[in-house]
Amino acid sequence: MSSVIAEVQVSGPGAVLTQHALPKLPEARIAVQYQASPDSAGFVVENCDFDAFERELRADPSVADFERIVDFPAVRVYNVRARTDTPLVSKLLADRGIQVLTATSRPGEATWRLRVRSPDRASLSSFLAHCEENGISVRIDKLYSEAYPFERSGSAGDGANLLTDKQREALELAFSAGYFDIPRKCTVDGLSEEIGVSQQAVSERIRRGVKSLLELHLPHEH
């Protein structure tokens, strides 16, 4: 099975800064430049009062300590080490082999936006379940398979991202012709004549397309 790319938003316990510093610094723009370990990362900070940012870092209960490593008038870089008495989002991801590709916090949002690569849907599902168990708020904005990188737009509910053109064509025709209605208004034979391929080819495209949609909305272990 190909790896899965997900774009998610996380906040709450285990999501560093989201419960204290970020709500108090709505203008700040932060990006993770590097992840040295699950509890240590380099933050690029822009668009805020840096003195206020450092005060909030000192007061934030999710932060163990920090060090300013780059200091320019418009941007600073900090190495921030998180407290580990609460399960960290970064560790939950690392434990499941899920790679963080980008991590940012936008102005006005007390949340982290992550783009991650999961080795499979089961690993991503395990991460989501563990977040729920530990009171971490998580929302999937986009989800798609690396097997179909040509189309990346749409929400997590946009299953078209996981369909081939032929599967999409077969499903759209089957739906519009009433193939999924009860009682059924058309047959595979009729669909095959309309598309111009064999009945077996149409049946396989429909089954594989439906399977992709089910895997998207119902993550499970194989």
N, C-alpha and C. Protein backbone atom coordinates (compact mmCIF):
# COMPACT_ATOMS: atom_id res chain seq x y z
N MET A 1 0.84 -1.19 0.00
CA MET A 1 0.00 0.00 0.00
C MET A 1 0.88 1.24 0.00
N SER A 2 0.50 2.25 -0.80
CA SER A 2 1.28 3.48 -0.86
C SER A 2 1.10 4.29 0.40
N SER A 3 2.06 5.17 0.65
CA SER A 3 1.97 6.03 1.83
C SER A 3 0.87 7.06 1.63
N VAL A 4 0.47 7.67 2.75
CA VAL A 4 -0.65 8.60 2.77
C VAL A 4 -0.15 9.97 3.21
N ILE A 5 -0.57 11.00 2.52
CA ILE A 5 -0.27 12.38 2.91
C ILE A 5 -1.51 12.96 3.57
N ALA A 6 -1.33 13.57 4.73
CA ALA A 6 -2.45 14.20 5.43
C ALA A 6 -2.07 15.60 5.86
N GLU A 7 -3.02 16.50 5.78
CA GLU A 7 -2.87 17.84 6.31
C GLU A 7 -3.85 17.97 7.47
N VAL A 8 -3.30 18.17 8.66
CA VAL A 8 -4.12 18.16 9.87
C VAL A 8 -3.86 19.40 10.72
N GLN A 9 -4.83 19.71 11.56
CA GLN A 9 -4.67 20.77 12.55
C GLN A 9 -4.75 20.13 13.93
N VAL A 10 -3.81 20.48 14.81
CA VAL A 10 -3.78 19.92 16.15
C VAL A 10 -3.66 21.03 17.19
N SER A 11 -4.27 20.82 18.33
CA SER A 11 -4.16 21.76 19.44
C SER A 11 -4.52 21.02 20.72
N GLY A 12 -4.20 21.66 21.84
CA GLY A 12 -4.52 21.05 23.13
C GLY A 12 -3.31 20.41 23.77
N PRO A 13 -3.52 19.56 24.78
CA PRO A 13 -2.41 18.91 25.48
C PRO A 13 -1.51 18.16 24.50
N GLY A 14 -0.21 18.35 24.61
CA GLY A 14 0.72 17.67 23.72
C GLY A 14 1.05 18.45 22.47
N ALA A 15 0.26 19.50 22.17
CA ALA A 15 0.54 20.37 21.03
C ALA A 15 1.14 21.65 21.60
N VAL A 16 2.46 21.73 21.60
CA VAL A 16 3.19 22.79 22.29
C VAL A 16 2.70 24.19 21.90
N LEU A 17 2.55 25.04 22.89
CA LEU A 17 2.18 26.46 22.77
C LEU A 17 0.69 26.71 22.52
N THR A 18 -0.07 25.70 22.13
CA THR A 18 -1.44 25.98 21.68
C THR A 18 -2.39 26.35 22.81
N GLN A 19 -2.06 26.00 24.05
CA GLN A 19 -2.98 26.29 25.15
C GLN A 19 -2.64 27.57 25.90
N HIS A 20 -1.46 28.12 25.69
CA HIS A 20 -1.09 29.33 26.42
C HIS A 20 -0.51 30.40 25.50
N ALA A 21 0.67 30.16 24.95
CA ALA A 21 1.38 31.22 24.22
C ALA A 21 0.65 31.67 22.96
N LEU A 22 0.19 30.73 22.13
CA LEU A 22 -0.42 31.12 20.86
C LEU A 22 -1.69 31.95 21.05
N PRO A 23 -2.59 31.61 21.98
CA PRO A 23 -3.77 32.46 22.17
C PRO A 23 -3.43 33.88 22.61
N LYS A 24 -2.29 34.05 23.28
CA LYS A 24 -1.89 35.37 23.75
C LYS A 24 -1.08 36.15 22.73
N LEU A 25 -0.71 35.49 21.62
CA LEU A 25 0.09 36.12 20.57
C LEU A 25 -0.58 35.91 19.21
N PRO A 26 -1.79 36.46 19.03
CA PRO A 26 -2.56 36.17 17.81
C PRO A 26 -1.91 36.65 16.52
N GLU A 27 -0.95 37.58 16.63
CA GLU A 27 -0.32 38.10 15.43
C GLU A 27 0.88 37.26 14.98
N ALA A 28 1.35 36.37 15.81
CA ALA A 28 2.58 35.63 15.53
C ALA A 28 2.42 34.64 14.39
N ARG A 29 3.46 34.53 13.59
CA ARG A 29 3.56 33.51 12.54
C ARG A 29 4.76 32.64 12.87
N ILE A 30 4.53 31.35 13.03
CA ILE A 30 5.59 30.44 13.48
C ILE A 30 5.67 29.24 12.54
N ALA A 31 6.89 28.84 12.23
CA ALA A 31 7.10 27.64 11.43
C ALA A 31 8.20 26.82 12.08
N VAL A 32 8.05 25.51 12.06
CA VAL A 32 9.08 24.62 12.60
C VAL A 32 10.14 24.44 11.52
N GLN A 33 11.36 24.85 11.83
CA GLN A 33 12.46 24.75 10.86
C GLN A 33 13.12 23.38 10.91
N TYR A 34 13.23 22.82 12.10
CA TYR A 34 13.82 21.49 12.25
C TYR A 34 13.26 20.84 13.51
N GLN A 35 13.29 19.52 13.53
CA GLN A 35 12.87 18.74 14.70
C GLN A 35 14.06 17.92 15.15
N ALA A 36 14.74 18.40 16.19
CA ALA A 36 15.94 17.72 16.65
C ALA A 36 15.61 16.40 17.33
N SER A 37 14.48 16.35 18.03
CA SER A 37 14.00 15.15 18.72
C SER A 37 12.51 15.37 18.96
N PRO A 38 11.78 14.36 19.41
CA PRO A 38 10.34 14.56 19.63
C PRO A 38 10.01 15.71 20.58
N ASP A 39 10.95 16.05 21.50
CA ASP A 39 10.65 17.13 22.45
C ASP A 39 11.46 18.40 22.21
N SER A 40 12.16 18.49 21.07
CA SER A 40 12.98 19.66 20.79
C SER A 40 12.89 20.05 19.33
N ALA A 41 12.63 21.35 19.08
CA ALA A 41 12.47 21.80 17.70
C ALA A 41 12.92 23.25 17.56
N GLY A 42 13.24 23.62 16.33
CA GLY A 42 13.61 25.00 16.02
C GLY A 42 12.42 25.74 15.45
N PHE A 43 12.03 26.85 16.10
CA PHE A 43 10.88 27.64 15.67
C PHE A 43 11.35 28.93 15.00
N VAL A 44 10.89 29.17 13.79
CA VAL A 44 11.11 30.45 13.12
C VAL A 44 9.91 31.33 13.43
N VAL A 45 10.16 32.48 14.06
CA VAL A 45 9.07 33.35 14.53
C VAL A 45 9.12 34.69 13.80
N GLU A 46 7.97 35.10 13.28
CA GLU A 46 7.85 36.37 12.57
C GLU A 46 6.60 37.11 13.00
N ASN A 47 6.55 38.38 12.67
CA ASN A 47 5.32 39.16 12.77
C ASN A 47 4.77 39.29 14.19
N CYS A 48 5.66 39.47 15.17
CA CYS A 48 5.18 39.65 16.54
C CYS A 48 6.20 40.43 17.37
N ASP A 49 5.78 40.81 18.56
CA ASP A 49 6.66 41.45 19.54
C ASP A 49 7.52 40.34 20.15
N PHE A 50 8.78 40.31 19.83
CA PHE A 50 9.63 39.20 20.26
C PHE A 50 9.81 39.17 21.78
N ASP A 51 9.84 40.34 22.42
CA ASP A 51 9.93 40.35 23.88
C ASP A 51 8.70 39.70 24.50
N ALA A 52 7.53 40.02 23.94
CA ALA A 52 6.29 39.42 24.43
C ALA A 52 6.29 37.92 24.17
N PHE A 53 6.83 37.52 23.01
CA PHE A 53 6.89 36.10 22.68
C PHE A 53 7.73 35.34 23.70
N GLU A 54 8.88 35.91 24.06
CA GLU A 54 9.75 35.24 25.03
C GLU A 54 9.12 35.20 26.42
N ARG A 55 8.38 36.24 26.78
CA ARG A 55 7.68 36.22 28.06
C ARG A 55 6.65 35.09 28.10
N GLU A 56 5.94 34.92 26.98
CA GLU A 56 4.92 33.87 26.94
C GLU A 56 5.56 32.48 26.91
N LEU A 57 6.72 32.35 26.28
CA LEU A 57 7.44 31.07 26.31
C LEU A 57 7.80 30.69 27.75
N ARG A 58 8.27 31.67 28.52
CA ARG A 58 8.65 31.41 29.91
C ARG A 58 7.43 31.00 30.74
N ALA A 59 6.28 31.56 30.40
CA ALA A 59 5.07 31.30 31.19
C ALA A 59 4.30 30.07 30.71
N ASP A 60 4.64 29.58 29.52
CA ASP A 60 3.88 28.48 28.93
C ASP A 60 4.21 27.17 29.62
N PRO A 61 3.22 26.49 30.21
CA PRO A 61 3.49 25.23 30.92
C PRO A 61 3.92 24.08 30.02
N SER A 62 3.76 24.22 28.71
CA SER A 62 4.18 23.14 27.81
C SER A 62 5.65 23.25 27.43
N VAL A 63 6.31 24.35 27.84
CA VAL A 63 7.71 24.59 27.47
C VAL A 63 8.63 24.32 28.65
N ALA A 64 9.62 23.47 28.44
CA ALA A 64 10.61 23.19 29.49
C ALA A 64 11.67 24.28 29.51
N ASP A 65 12.22 24.62 28.36
CA ASP A 65 13.16 25.73 28.24
C ASP A 65 13.32 26.09 26.77
N PHE A 66 13.99 27.21 26.52
CA PHE A 66 14.20 27.64 25.14
C PHE A 66 15.48 28.45 25.05
N GLU A 67 16.00 28.56 23.81
CA GLU A 67 17.21 29.33 23.56
C GLU A 67 17.05 30.09 22.25
N ARG A 68 17.38 31.37 22.27
CA ARG A 68 17.35 32.17 21.05
C ARG A 68 18.64 31.88 20.30
N ILE A 69 18.53 31.43 19.04
CA ILE A 69 19.74 31.06 18.30
C ILE A 69 19.97 31.95 17.08
N VAL A 70 18.95 32.65 16.61
CA VAL A 70 19.11 33.61 15.52
C VAL A 70 18.28 34.83 15.87
N ASP A 71 18.88 36.02 15.69
CA ASP A 71 18.21 37.26 16.08
C ASP A 71 18.37 38.31 14.99
N PHE A 72 17.30 38.52 14.21
CA PHE A 72 17.28 39.56 13.20
C PHE A 72 16.12 40.51 13.54
N PRO A 73 16.11 41.70 12.97
CA PRO A 73 15.04 42.65 13.29
C PRO A 73 13.63 42.12 13.02
N ALA A 74 13.45 41.36 11.94
CA ALA A 74 12.11 40.92 11.56
C ALA A 74 11.83 39.45 11.83
N VAL A 75 12.84 38.70 12.22
CA VAL A 75 12.66 37.26 12.44
C VAL A 75 13.64 36.75 13.48
N ARG A 76 13.18 35.81 14.27
CA ARG A 76 14.05 35.15 15.23
C ARG A 76 13.83 33.64 15.13
N VAL A 77 14.88 32.91 15.48
CA VAL A 77 14.78 31.45 15.53
C VAL A 77 15.10 31.01 16.95
N TYR A 78 14.24 30.16 17.49
CA TYR A 78 14.41 29.65 18.85
C TYR A 78 14.47 28.14 18.83
N ASN A 79 15.33 27.59 19.67
CA ASN A 79 15.28 26.17 19.93
C ASN A 79 14.42 25.98 21.18
N VAL A 80 13.31 25.29 21.03
CA VAL A 80 12.35 25.13 22.12
C VAL A 80 12.29 23.66 22.53
N ARG A 81 12.43 23.42 23.82
CA ARG A 81 12.31 22.05 24.34
C ARG A 81 11.00 21.95 25.13
N ALA A 82 10.21 20.97 24.77
CA ALA A 82 8.89 20.80 25.38
C ALA A 82 8.95 19.93 26.62
N ARG A 83 8.01 20.16 27.53
CA ARG A 83 7.84 19.27 28.67
C ARG A 83 7.28 17.94 28.17
N THR A 84 7.65 16.87 28.84
CA THR A 84 7.25 15.53 28.37
C THR A 84 6.31 14.83 29.34
N ASP A 85 5.72 15.57 30.28
CA ASP A 85 4.79 14.93 31.21
C ASP A 85 3.44 14.66 30.56
N THR A 86 3.22 15.21 29.37
CA THR A 86 2.02 14.94 28.58
C THR A 86 2.46 14.35 27.24
N PRO A 87 1.76 13.34 26.73
CA PRO A 87 2.15 12.77 25.43
C PRO A 87 2.22 13.85 24.35
N LEU A 88 3.37 14.00 23.72
CA LEU A 88 3.55 15.03 22.71
C LEU A 88 3.08 14.54 21.34
N VAL A 89 2.46 15.45 20.60
CA VAL A 89 2.03 15.13 19.24
C VAL A 89 3.21 14.63 18.41
N SER A 90 4.34 15.29 18.54
CA SER A 90 5.53 14.90 17.77
C SER A 90 5.97 13.48 18.07
N LYS A 91 5.86 13.06 19.33
CA LYS A 91 6.25 11.69 19.69
C LYS A 91 5.20 10.68 19.22
N LEU A 92 3.93 11.04 19.32
CA LEU A 92 2.87 10.15 18.83
C LEU A 92 3.06 9.87 17.34
N LEU A 93 3.46 10.89 16.61
CA LEU A 93 3.71 10.72 15.18
C LEU A 93 4.96 9.87 14.93
N ALA A 94 6.05 10.21 15.62
CA ALA A 94 7.32 9.49 15.42
C ALA A 94 7.18 8.02 15.78
N ASP A 95 6.45 7.71 16.83
CA ASP A 95 6.28 6.33 17.27
C ASP A 95 5.58 5.47 16.22
N ARG A 96 4.84 6.12 15.33
CA ARG A 96 4.09 5.40 14.30
C ARG A 96 4.74 5.51 12.91
N GLY A 97 5.94 6.07 12.90
CA GLY A 97 6.65 6.20 11.64
C GLY A 97 6.07 7.25 10.73
N ILE A 98 5.34 8.21 11.31
CA ILE A 98 4.72 9.28 10.52
C ILE A 98 5.67 10.48 10.49
N GLN A 99 6.04 10.90 9.30
CA GLN A 99 7.00 11.98 9.11
C GLN A 99 6.30 13.33 8.99
N VAL A 100 6.77 14.31 9.75
CA VAL A 100 6.24 15.67 9.64
C VAL A 100 6.97 16.38 8.51
N LEU A 101 6.24 16.78 7.48
CA LEU A 101 6.83 17.47 6.33
C LEU A 101 6.89 18.97 6.57
N THR A 102 5.82 19.54 7.09
CA THR A 102 5.80 20.95 7.47
C THR A 102 4.95 21.12 8.71
N ALA A 103 5.26 22.16 9.50
CA ALA A 103 4.48 22.48 10.69
C ALA A 103 4.47 23.99 10.85
N THR A 104 3.29 24.59 10.83
CA THR A 104 3.18 26.04 10.92
C THR A 104 2.02 26.43 11.83
N SER A 105 2.11 27.64 12.36
CA SER A 105 0.99 28.24 13.09
C SER A 105 0.74 29.61 12.49
N ARG A 106 -0.46 29.82 11.98
CA ARG A 106 -0.79 31.06 11.31
C ARG A 106 -1.27 32.11 12.30
N PRO A 107 -1.14 33.39 11.94
CA PRO A 107 -1.65 34.46 12.81
C PRO A 107 -3.14 34.26 13.09
N GLY A 108 -3.51 34.43 14.35
CA GLY A 108 -4.90 34.32 14.74
C GLY A 108 -5.38 32.91 15.00
N GLU A 109 -4.49 31.93 14.87
CA GLU A 109 -4.88 30.53 15.09
C GLU A 109 -4.05 29.92 16.22
N ALA A 110 -4.71 29.44 17.23
CA ALA A 110 -4.01 28.77 18.33
C ALA A 110 -3.93 27.28 18.04
N THR A 111 -3.35 26.96 16.91
CA THR A 111 -3.28 25.57 16.47
C THR A 111 -2.05 25.38 15.59
N TRP A 112 -1.62 24.13 15.46
CA TRP A 112 -0.55 23.79 14.53
C TRP A 112 -1.15 23.14 13.30
N ARG A 113 -0.71 23.60 12.14
CA ARG A 113 -1.11 22.97 10.87
C ARG A 113 0.05 22.09 10.42
N LEU A 114 -0.19 20.81 10.36
CA LEU A 114 0.84 19.84 10.00
C LEU A 114 0.55 19.21 8.65
N ARG A 115 1.60 19.00 7.89
CA ARG A 115 1.50 18.17 6.68
C ARG A 115 2.41 16.98 6.95
N VAL A 116 1.82 15.80 6.96
CA VAL A 116 2.56 14.61 7.38
C VAL A 116 2.47 13.52 6.32
N ARG A 117 3.47 12.63 6.35
CA ARG A 117 3.45 11.44 5.49
C ARG A 117 3.38 10.21 6.39
N SER A 118 2.30 9.46 6.24
CA SER A 118 2.12 8.24 7.03
C SER A 118 2.42 7.02 6.17
N PRO A 119 3.06 5.99 6.71
CA PRO A 119 3.38 4.82 5.90
C PRO A 119 2.13 4.08 5.41
N ASP A 120 1.02 4.23 6.13
CA ASP A 120 -0.23 3.59 5.74
C ASP A 120 -1.39 4.22 6.51
N ARG A 121 -2.59 3.84 6.15
CA ARG A 121 -3.78 4.41 6.80
C ARG A 121 -3.91 3.93 8.24
N ALA A 122 -3.46 2.70 8.51
CA ALA A 122 -3.57 2.17 9.86
C ALA A 122 -2.76 3.01 10.85
N SER A 123 -1.58 3.43 10.45
CA SER A 123 -0.74 4.25 11.33
C SER A 123 -1.39 5.60 11.60
N LEU A 124 -1.96 6.20 10.57
CA LEU A 124 -2.65 7.48 10.74
C LEU A 124 -3.87 7.32 11.63
N SER A 125 -4.61 6.24 11.42
CA SER A 125 -5.79 5.97 12.25
C SER A 125 -5.40 5.78 13.71
N SER A 126 -4.28 5.10 13.96
CA SER A 126 -3.80 4.89 15.33
C SER A 126 -3.44 6.23 15.97
N PHE A 127 -2.80 7.12 15.20
CA PHE A 127 -2.46 8.45 15.71
C PHE A 127 -3.72 9.22 16.10
N LEU A 128 -4.73 9.22 15.23
CA LEU A 128 -5.97 9.94 15.51
C LEU A 128 -6.65 9.39 16.76
N ALA A 129 -6.65 8.07 16.91
CA ALA A 129 -7.28 7.46 18.08
C ALA A 129 -6.55 7.84 19.36
N HIS A 130 -5.22 7.85 19.29
CA HIS A 130 -4.43 8.20 20.48
C HIS A 130 -4.65 9.66 20.86
N CYS A 131 -4.77 10.53 19.87
CA CYS A 131 -5.05 11.95 20.15
C CYS A 131 -6.37 12.07 20.90
N GLU A 132 -7.37 11.36 20.42
CA GLU A 132 -8.69 11.42 21.06
C GLU A 132 -8.61 10.92 22.50
N GLU A 133 -7.87 9.86 22.71
CA GLU A 133 -7.74 9.30 24.06
C GLU A 133 -7.04 10.26 25.01
N ASN A 134 -6.15 11.11 24.48
CA ASN A 134 -5.37 12.02 25.32
C ASN A 134 -5.87 13.46 25.29
N GLY A 135 -7.07 13.68 24.77
CA GLY A 135 -7.66 15.00 24.79
C GLY A 135 -7.03 15.99 23.83
N ILE A 136 -6.34 15.50 22.81
CA ILE A 136 -5.72 16.37 21.80
C ILE A 136 -6.71 16.58 20.67
N SER A 137 -7.00 17.84 20.37
CA SER A 137 -7.92 18.15 19.28
C SER A 137 -7.20 17.99 17.95
N VAL A 138 -7.79 17.24 17.05
CA VAL A 138 -7.16 17.03 15.74
C VAL A 138 -8.24 17.02 14.67
N ARG A 139 -7.94 17.70 13.56
CA ARG A 139 -8.87 17.77 12.43
C ARG A 139 -8.12 17.53 11.15
N ILE A 140 -8.63 16.64 10.31
CA ILE A 140 -8.01 16.38 9.01
C ILE A 140 -8.60 17.34 7.99
N ASP A 141 -7.73 18.14 7.35
CA ASP A 141 -8.17 19.06 6.30
C ASP A 141 -8.07 18.43 4.92
N LYS A 142 -7.00 17.67 4.68
CA LYS A 142 -6.82 17.00 3.40
C LYS A 142 -6.21 15.62 3.63
N LEU A 143 -6.54 14.71 2.73
CA LEU A 143 -6.01 13.36 2.83
C LEU A 143 -5.95 12.78 1.43
N TYR A 144 -4.78 12.28 1.04
CA TYR A 144 -4.67 11.67 -0.26
C TYR A 144 -3.50 10.70 -0.28
N SER A 145 -3.56 9.79 -1.24
CA SER A 145 -2.51 8.80 -1.38
C SER A 145 -1.41 9.31 -2.28
N GLU A 146 -0.17 8.97 -1.97
CA GLU A 146 0.95 9.37 -2.83
C GLU A 146 0.90 8.64 -4.17
N ALA A 147 0.06 7.62 -4.27
CA ALA A 147 -0.07 6.91 -5.54
C ALA A 147 -0.72 7.79 -6.59
N TYR A 148 -1.45 8.86 -6.15
CA TYR A 148 -2.12 9.75 -7.08
C TYR A 148 -1.77 11.19 -6.74
N PRO A 149 -0.50 11.60 -6.94
CA PRO A 149 -0.05 12.94 -6.57
C PRO A 149 -0.52 14.03 -7.50
N PHE A 150 -1.20 13.67 -8.61
CA PHE A 150 -1.58 14.67 -9.59
C PHE A 150 -2.72 15.54 -9.12
N GLU A 151 -3.44 15.15 -8.11
CA GLU A 151 -4.56 15.95 -7.65
C GLU A 151 -4.54 16.03 -6.14
N ARG A 152 -4.33 17.23 -5.63
CA ARG A 152 -4.16 17.38 -4.19
C ARG A 152 -5.18 18.34 -3.56
N SER A 153 -6.03 18.94 -4.38
CA SER A 153 -6.99 19.88 -3.82
C SER A 153 -8.16 19.14 -3.22
N GLY A 154 -8.93 19.86 -2.38
CA GLY A 154 -10.12 19.27 -1.78
C GLY A 154 -9.92 18.93 -0.34
N SER A 155 -11.02 18.72 0.35
CA SER A 155 -10.98 18.41 1.77
C SER A 155 -10.72 16.94 1.99
N ALA A 156 -10.65 16.56 3.28
CA ALA A 156 -10.44 15.14 3.59
C ALA A 156 -11.58 14.31 3.09
N GLY A 157 -12.73 14.94 2.88
CA GLY A 157 -13.88 14.20 2.39
C GLY A 157 -13.91 14.10 0.88
N ASP A 158 -12.95 14.67 0.17
CA ASP A 158 -12.95 14.65 -1.28
C ASP A 158 -12.28 13.39 -1.77
N GLY A 159 -13.06 12.31 -1.90
CA GLY A 159 -12.51 11.03 -2.29
C GLY A 159 -12.01 11.00 -3.72
N ALA A 160 -12.37 12.02 -4.53
CA ALA A 160 -11.89 12.03 -5.91
C ALA A 160 -10.38 12.05 -5.98
N ASN A 161 -9.72 12.50 -4.93
CA ASN A 161 -8.27 12.54 -4.91
C ASN A 161 -7.65 11.15 -4.99
N LEU A 162 -8.41 10.13 -4.61
CA LEU A 162 -7.88 8.78 -4.57
C LEU A 162 -8.35 7.93 -5.75
N LEU A 163 -9.09 8.52 -6.70
CA LEU A 163 -9.63 7.76 -7.81
C LEU A 163 -8.82 8.01 -9.07
N THR A 164 -8.67 6.96 -9.89
CA THR A 164 -8.12 7.16 -11.22
C THR A 164 -9.20 7.78 -12.10
N ASP A 165 -8.79 8.31 -13.24
CA ASP A 165 -9.76 8.91 -14.16
C ASP A 165 -10.81 7.88 -14.60
N LYS A 166 -10.38 6.65 -14.86
CA LYS A 166 -11.31 5.62 -15.31
C LYS A 166 -12.28 5.20 -14.21
N GLN A 167 -11.78 5.14 -12.97
CA GLN A 167 -12.66 4.82 -11.86
C GLN A 167 -13.68 5.93 -11.64
N ARG A 168 -13.22 7.18 -11.73
CA ARG A 168 -14.12 8.32 -11.54
C ARG A 168 -15.20 8.32 -12.63
N GLU A 169 -14.79 8.08 -13.87
CA GLU A 169 -15.75 8.04 -14.98
C GLU A 169 -16.81 6.97 -14.74
N ALA A 170 -16.37 5.77 -14.34
CA ALA A 170 -17.31 4.67 -14.12
C ALA A 170 -18.27 4.97 -12.97
N LEU A 171 -17.76 5.52 -11.88
CA LEU A 171 -18.59 5.82 -10.73
C LEU A 171 -19.59 6.95 -11.03
N GLU A 172 -19.13 7.99 -11.72
CA GLU A 172 -20.03 9.09 -12.05
C GLU A 172 -21.15 8.63 -12.97
N LEU A 173 -20.82 7.80 -13.96
CA LEU A 173 -21.84 7.29 -14.87
C LEU A 173 -22.80 6.36 -14.13
N ALA A 174 -22.24 5.47 -13.29
CA ALA A 174 -23.07 4.53 -12.55
C ALA A 174 -24.04 5.27 -11.62
N PHE A 175 -23.53 6.33 -10.99
CA PHE A 175 -24.39 7.08 -10.07
C PHE A 175 -25.50 7.80 -10.82
N SER A 176 -25.14 8.50 -11.91
CA SER A 176 -26.14 9.27 -12.66
C SER A 176 -27.16 8.37 -13.35
N ALA A 177 -26.75 7.15 -13.72
CA ALA A 177 -27.66 6.22 -14.40
C ALA A 177 -28.53 5.42 -13.43
N GLY A 178 -28.29 5.56 -12.13
CA GLY A 178 -29.11 4.86 -11.15
C GLY A 178 -28.64 3.48 -10.78
N TYR A 179 -27.35 3.21 -11.03
CA TYR A 179 -26.82 1.87 -10.71
C TYR A 179 -26.88 1.59 -9.21
N PHE A 180 -26.75 2.65 -8.38
CA PHE A 180 -26.75 2.46 -6.93
C PHE A 180 -28.14 2.66 -6.31
N ASP A 181 -29.13 2.94 -7.16
CA ASP A 181 -30.48 3.11 -6.64
C ASP A 181 -31.09 1.78 -6.22
N ILE A 182 -32.15 1.85 -5.42
CA ILE A 182 -32.91 0.67 -5.03
C ILE A 182 -34.37 0.90 -5.42
N PRO A 183 -34.92 0.15 -6.39
CA PRO A 183 -34.23 -0.89 -7.16
C PRO A 183 -33.26 -0.28 -8.17
N ARG A 184 -32.31 -1.07 -8.63
CA ARG A 184 -31.29 -0.62 -9.56
C ARG A 184 -31.92 -0.27 -10.91
N LYS A 185 -31.52 0.90 -11.46
CA LYS A 185 -32.12 1.38 -12.70
C LYS A 185 -31.28 1.08 -13.94
N CYS A 186 -30.10 0.54 -13.76
CA CYS A 186 -29.28 0.16 -14.91
C CYS A 186 -28.41 -1.02 -14.53
N THR A 187 -27.80 -1.65 -15.50
CA THR A 187 -26.96 -2.83 -15.26
C THR A 187 -25.53 -2.56 -15.68
N VAL A 188 -24.64 -3.45 -15.28
CA VAL A 188 -23.25 -3.35 -15.70
C VAL A 188 -23.14 -3.44 -17.21
N ASP A 189 -24.02 -4.25 -17.82
CA ASP A 189 -24.01 -4.40 -19.27
C ASP A 189 -24.29 -3.05 -19.94
N GLY A 190 -25.28 -2.32 -19.41
CA GLY A 190 -25.60 -1.01 -19.97
C GLY A 190 -24.47 -0.02 -19.78
N LEU A 191 -23.82 -0.06 -18.62
CA LEU A 191 -22.69 0.84 -18.36
C LEU A 191 -21.52 0.52 -19.28
N SER A 192 -21.28 -0.78 -19.52
CA SER A 192 -20.16 -1.16 -20.38
C SER A 192 -20.37 -0.70 -21.81
N GLU A 193 -21.63 -0.74 -22.27
CA GLU A 193 -21.92 -0.25 -23.62
C GLU A 193 -21.71 1.26 -23.71
N GLU A 194 -22.11 1.98 -22.65
CA GLU A 194 -21.98 3.43 -22.64
C GLU A 194 -20.50 3.85 -22.65
N ILE A 195 -19.68 3.15 -21.86
CA ILE A 195 -18.27 3.51 -21.76
C ILE A 195 -17.46 2.93 -22.91
N GLY A 196 -17.91 1.78 -23.42
CA GLY A 196 -17.20 1.14 -24.52
C GLY A 196 -16.12 0.18 -24.09
N VAL A 197 -16.30 -0.44 -22.91
CA VAL A 197 -15.36 -1.46 -22.44
C VAL A 197 -16.17 -2.67 -21.98
N SER A 198 -15.47 -3.72 -21.60
CA SER A 198 -16.15 -4.95 -21.21
C SER A 198 -16.89 -4.80 -19.88
N GLN A 199 -17.84 -5.69 -19.63
CA GLN A 199 -18.56 -5.68 -18.36
C GLN A 199 -17.60 -5.89 -17.19
N GLN A 200 -16.62 -6.79 -17.39
CA GLN A 200 -15.65 -7.06 -16.32
C GLN A 200 -14.84 -5.81 -15.99
N ALA A 201 -14.44 -5.05 -17.01
CA ALA A 201 -13.66 -3.84 -16.77
C ALA A 201 -14.47 -2.81 -15.99
N VAL A 202 -15.74 -2.63 -16.37
CA VAL A 202 -16.60 -1.68 -15.65
C VAL A 202 -16.79 -2.12 -14.21
N SER A 203 -17.06 -3.41 -14.01
CA SER A 203 -17.27 -3.93 -12.66
C SER A 203 -16.05 -3.73 -11.78
N GLU A 204 -14.85 -3.98 -12.34
CA GLU A 204 -13.61 -3.80 -11.57
C GLU A 204 -13.38 -2.33 -11.22
N ARG A 205 -13.67 -1.42 -12.16
CA ARG A 205 -13.46 0.01 -11.90
C ARG A 205 -14.40 0.49 -10.79
N ILE A 206 -15.64 0.02 -10.82
CA ILE A 206 -16.59 0.42 -9.78
C ILE A 206 -16.16 -0.14 -8.43
N ARG A 207 -15.79 -1.41 -8.38
CA ARG A 207 -15.40 -2.03 -7.11
C ARG A 207 -14.15 -1.36 -6.54
N ARG A 208 -13.15 -1.13 -7.39
CA ARG A 208 -11.92 -0.52 -6.90
C ARG A 208 -12.14 0.93 -6.48
N GLY A 209 -12.98 1.64 -7.22
CA GLY A 209 -13.29 3.01 -6.84
C GLY A 209 -14.01 3.08 -5.51
N VAL A 210 -15.00 2.22 -5.33
CA VAL A 210 -15.74 2.18 -4.06
C VAL A 210 -14.79 1.80 -2.92
N LYS A 211 -13.89 0.86 -3.17
CA LYS A 211 -12.92 0.44 -2.15
C LYS A 211 -12.04 1.62 -1.72
N SER A 212 -11.59 2.42 -2.69
CA SER A 212 -10.76 3.58 -2.36
C SER A 212 -11.52 4.58 -1.50
N LEU A 213 -12.80 4.80 -1.82
CA LEU A 213 -13.60 5.73 -1.04
C LEU A 213 -13.83 5.20 0.37
N LEU A 214 -14.07 3.90 0.50
CA LEU A 214 -14.27 3.32 1.82
C LEU A 214 -12.99 3.39 2.65
N GLU A 215 -11.84 3.15 2.02
CA GLU A 215 -10.57 3.25 2.75
C GLU A 215 -10.31 4.67 3.22
N LEU A 216 -10.78 5.65 2.45
CA LEU A 216 -10.59 7.05 2.83
C LEU A 216 -11.41 7.38 4.07
N HIS A 217 -12.67 6.96 4.08
CA HIS A 217 -13.57 7.34 5.17
C HIS A 217 -13.59 6.34 6.33
N LEU A 218 -13.13 5.13 6.07
CA LEU A 218 -13.12 4.13 7.12
C LEU A 218 -11.74 3.52 7.24
N PRO A 219 -10.74 4.27 7.77
CA PRO A 219 -9.37 3.74 7.90
C PRO A 219 -9.38 2.46 8.73
N HIS A 220 -8.60 1.49 8.28
CA HIS A 220 -8.57 0.21 8.98
C HIS A 220 -7.27 -0.49 8.69
N GLU A 221 -6.95 -1.47 9.50
CA GLU A 221 -5.74 -2.28 9.30
C GLU A 221 -6.05 -3.39 8.31
N HIS A 222 -5.06 -3.72 7.50
CA HIS A 222 -5.23 -4.81 6.53
C HIS A 222 -4.54 -6.05 7.06
